[in-house]
Protein backbone atom coordinates (compact mmCIF):
# COMPACT_ATOMS: atom_id res chain seq x y z
CA MET A 1 89.10 87.27 -163.16
CA GLN A 2 92.47 88.97 -163.46
CA PHE A 3 95.67 89.08 -161.41
CA SER A 4 96.71 91.75 -160.11
CA TRP A 5 99.17 93.88 -157.59
CA LYS A 6 96.24 96.29 -156.79
CA GLY A 7 93.75 93.31 -156.89
CA TYR A 8 94.81 92.34 -153.30
CA TRP A 9 91.82 95.26 -151.52
CA GLU A 10 90.22 93.76 -153.51
CA PRO A 11 87.75 91.70 -153.04
CA THR A 12 88.88 87.89 -154.10
CA PRO A 13 86.15 85.68 -155.99
CA LYS A 14 85.15 82.71 -154.08
CA GLY A 15 86.17 80.02 -156.05
CA ILE A 16 90.17 81.54 -155.23
CA ARG A 17 89.43 81.84 -152.12
CA LYS A 18 88.00 78.26 -151.39
CA ILE A 19 90.48 76.66 -153.91
CA ALA A 20 93.09 78.40 -151.37
CA ASP A 21 91.70 77.03 -148.24
CA SER A 22 91.61 73.76 -149.04
CA LEU A 23 95.23 74.16 -150.33
CA LEU A 24 97.02 75.60 -146.93
CA ALA A 25 94.64 72.92 -144.89
CA GLY A 26 96.34 70.18 -146.78
CA ALA A 27 99.86 71.40 -146.63
CA MET A 28 99.10 72.38 -142.61
CA THR A 29 97.60 68.39 -142.10
CA VAL A 30 100.78 67.39 -144.37
CA SER A 31 102.74 70.34 -142.39
CA THR A 32 102.48 68.11 -138.88
CA ILE A 33 102.32 64.70 -140.29
CA SER A 34 106.31 65.98 -141.34
CA PHE A 35 107.49 67.15 -138.52
CA ALA A 36 106.09 64.13 -136.61
CA ASN A 37 107.98 62.15 -138.24
CA ASP A 38 111.00 63.72 -137.14
CA ASN A 39 110.99 65.74 -140.95
CA LYS A 40 111.63 69.07 -139.97
CA THR A 41 112.75 70.74 -143.10
CA VAL A 42 110.53 69.74 -145.08
CA ALA A 43 107.17 70.12 -143.12
CA VAL A 44 108.20 74.20 -142.72
CA ILE A 45 108.98 74.33 -146.07
CA VAL A 46 105.80 72.76 -147.02
CA LEU A 47 103.94 75.93 -144.65
CA VAL A 48 105.73 78.06 -146.08
CA VAL A 49 105.09 77.21 -149.78
CA ALA A 50 101.76 77.13 -148.87
CA GLY A 51 101.53 80.61 -147.37
CA ILE A 52 102.26 82.29 -149.64
CA ALA A 53 100.07 80.71 -151.94
CA LYS A 54 97.86 82.21 -149.91
CA MET A 55 98.85 85.21 -149.44
CA LEU A 56 99.27 84.86 -153.83
CA SER A 57 95.64 83.98 -153.77
CA ASN A 58 94.21 87.99 -152.96
CA PHE A 59 95.47 89.19 -156.22
CA PHE A 60 93.26 87.86 -158.22
CA THR A 61 90.09 89.97 -158.71
CA ASP A 62 87.06 89.80 -160.63
CA ASP A 63 87.22 90.94 -164.73
CA ILE A 64 84.80 93.95 -163.37
CA ASP A 65 86.32 97.01 -162.61
CA SER A 66 84.93 98.31 -159.33
CA THR A 67 86.38 102.26 -159.73
CA THR A 68 84.21 102.61 -163.06
CA THR A 69 80.73 100.65 -161.17
CA SER A 70 79.07 102.17 -158.28
CA THR A 71 75.59 102.36 -157.69
CA THR A 72 73.93 105.52 -156.97
CA THR A 73 70.49 106.83 -155.49
CA THR A 74 67.88 109.46 -156.31
CA THR A 75 65.91 111.12 -154.05
CA THR A 76 62.90 112.73 -154.85
CA THR A 77 60.73 115.27 -152.67
CA SER A 78 57.46 116.97 -152.97
CA GLY A 79 56.94 120.24 -152.46
CA SER A 80 53.40 120.86 -150.52
């Protein structure tokens, strides 16, 4: 697994996606509770930090360079 700026458009590894989504769900819960208890500053800070963390998770990619690995299809034709 590696972190790179060009990795934003590559698929995110499943483990990183699970962690990021779980942290975002937890942050949303904390933010909702903070907002309900009139801690609006805390709620906004938690949501902003969680949003930035979720975006940063998109930059993680697998170690395999997708530009060098490609599948090729071979077709054969038979003449009569």
